[in-house]
Amino acid sequence: QVQLVESGGGLVQPGGSLRLSCVASGSIFKHYVMGWYRQAPGNQRELVATWSTGGTTIYLDSVKGRFAISGDNAKNTVYLQMNNLKPEDTAVYYCNGVDARAIAVASWGQGTQVTVSS
């Protein structure tokens, strides 16, 4: 059974930084691109960034140049380094495997709350 455990969120002032971590159990790392999603109150969940074991990364336009996704296959862990955070980045952040249609492949974890506020 695939489990996803996110951590690293918190309250940060605009311009600040956070590093999120996601540990995935099972074989998800072997078969899928890994992605970070976020969902703000009243909004649909959106895909923020993806990472493949080959090192290919893709970002939502609004986070390009500020966020960096990376992964560690040995630890089944994917990271999201978030710099120059803005209030509009406030959301619950989730990780998941991503299939070829950009659809999440596993049940969602509990997510980690990121709040950007002065």
Protein backbone atom coordinates (compact mmCIF):
# COMPACT_ATOMS: atom_id res chain seq x y z
CA GLN A 1 0.00 0.00 0.00
CA VAL A 2 1.40 3.36 -1.00
CA GLN A 3 1.61 5.95 1.74
CA LEU A 4 2.65 9.54 1.39
CA VAL A 5 3.83 11.57 4.36
CA GLU A 6 4.46 15.28 3.91
CA SER A 7 6.24 17.55 6.38
CA GLY A 8 8.01 20.87 6.65
CA GLY A 9 5.19 23.37 6.40
CA GLY A 10 4.67 26.30 8.70
CA LEU A 11 4.05 30.01 9.06
CA VAL A 12 6.50 32.27 7.27
CA GLN A 13 6.64 35.94 6.39
CA PRO A 14 6.54 37.09 2.76
CA GLY A 15 9.96 36.67 1.23
CA GLY A 16 10.80 33.79 3.52
CA SER A 17 11.70 30.19 2.71
CA LEU A 18 10.54 26.70 3.59
CA ARG A 19 11.64 23.22 2.58
CA LEU A 20 8.99 20.56 2.29
CA SER A 21 9.69 16.83 2.41
CA CYS A 22 7.61 13.88 1.30
CA VAL A 23 8.39 10.26 2.06
CA ALA A 24 6.64 7.75 -0.17
CA SER A 25 6.32 4.08 0.65
CA GLY A 26 5.84 1.33 -1.86
CA SER A 27 7.09 1.30 -5.43
CA ILE A 28 5.79 4.69 -6.45
CA PHE A 29 9.26 6.13 -7.02
CA LYS A 30 10.09 3.31 -9.40
CA HIS A 31 7.12 3.79 -11.67
CA TYR A 32 6.02 7.42 -11.61
CA VAL A 33 7.18 10.98 -11.82
CA MET A 34 6.76 12.60 -8.40
CA GLY A 35 4.90 15.84 -7.97
CA TRP A 36 4.01 18.48 -5.43
CA TYR A 37 0.45 19.80 -5.47
CA ARG A 38 -1.23 22.50 -3.45
CA GLN A 39 -4.77 23.43 -2.55
CA ALA A 40 -5.79 26.80 -1.22
CA PRO A 41 -9.20 27.32 0.46
CA GLY A 42 -11.94 27.50 -2.16
CA ASN A 43 -9.58 26.47 -4.96
CA GLN A 44 -8.98 23.26 -6.81
CA ARG A 45 -5.82 21.31 -6.15
CA GLU A 46 -3.10 22.29 -8.62
CA LEU A 47 0.14 20.66 -9.67
CA VAL A 48 3.03 22.89 -8.67
CA ALA A 49 6.13 20.96 -9.72
CA THR A 50 7.22 17.55 -10.93
CA TRP A 51 10.47 15.60 -10.70
CA SER A 52 11.63 12.46 -12.46
CA THR A 53 14.42 10.11 -11.47
CA GLY A 54 16.27 11.29 -14.56
CA GLY A 55 16.33 14.79 -13.11
CA THR A 56 13.73 16.41 -15.34
CA THR A 57 11.73 19.08 -13.53
CA ILE A 58 8.64 21.05 -14.55
CA TYR A 59 7.12 24.01 -12.70
CA LEU A 60 3.90 25.96 -12.58
CA ASP A 61 4.61 29.38 -14.13
CA SER A 62 3.81 31.23 -10.92
CA VAL A 63 6.56 29.43 -8.96
CA LYS A 64 9.30 29.33 -11.58
CA GLY A 65 12.52 30.80 -10.26
CA ARG A 66 11.30 30.58 -6.65
CA PHE A 67 10.65 26.87 -6.06
CA ALA A 68 12.96 23.93 -6.66
CA ILE A 69 11.92 20.27 -6.59
CA SER A 70 14.39 17.47 -6.03
CA GLY A 71 14.38 13.85 -4.99
CA ASP A 72 16.39 11.12 -3.31
CA ASN A 73 15.67 7.66 -4.66
CA ALA A 74 17.55 5.94 -1.86
CA LYS A 75 15.26 7.57 0.69
CA ASN A 76 12.05 7.50 -1.38
CA THR A 77 11.82 11.20 -0.63
CA VAL A 78 10.95 14.22 -2.73
CA TYR A 79 11.63 17.79 -1.60
CA LEU A 80 10.28 21.20 -2.45
CA GLN A 81 12.50 24.15 -1.65
CA MET A 82 10.36 27.28 -1.62
CA ASN A 83 12.05 30.69 -1.64
CA ASN A 84 10.71 34.23 -1.84
CA LEU A 85 7.34 33.01 -0.64
CA LYS A 86 4.26 35.11 -1.36
CA PRO A 87 0.87 35.25 0.38
CA GLU A 88 -0.67 33.58 -2.67
CA ASP A 89 1.50 30.51 -1.99
CA THR A 90 -0.58 29.86 1.13
CA ALA A 91 -2.12 26.40 0.78
CA VAL A 92 -1.97 22.81 1.94
CA TYR A 93 0.84 21.12 0.02
CA TYR A 94 0.66 17.46 -0.99
CA CYS A 95 2.92 15.10 -2.88
CA ASN A 96 1.93 12.21 -5.11
CA GLY A 97 2.98 10.18 -8.08
CA VAL A 98 1.93 11.69 -11.39
CA ASP A 99 0.90 9.66 -14.42
CA ALA A 100 1.23 10.57 -18.09
CA ARG A 101 -2.06 12.51 -17.93
CA ALA A 102 -0.77 14.56 -14.98
CA ILE A 103 -3.21 12.76 -12.70
CA ALA A 104 -2.26 11.76 -9.17
CA VAL A 105 -1.88 8.01 -8.84
CA ALA A 106 -2.25 7.28 -5.12
CA SER A 107 -4.46 8.18 -2.20
CA TRP A 108 -3.61 11.56 -0.75
CA GLY A 109 -1.60 11.98 2.42
CA GLN A 110 -2.47 14.49 5.10
CA GLY A 111 -0.55 17.29 3.44
CA THR A 112 1.41 20.06 5.13
CA GLN A 113 0.08 23.57 5.69
CA VAL A 114 2.08 26.50 4.35
CA THR A 115 0.95 29.94 5.47
CA VAL A 116 2.65 33.07 4.17
CA SER A 117 1.62 36.09 6.15
CA SER A 118 3.10 39.11 7.88
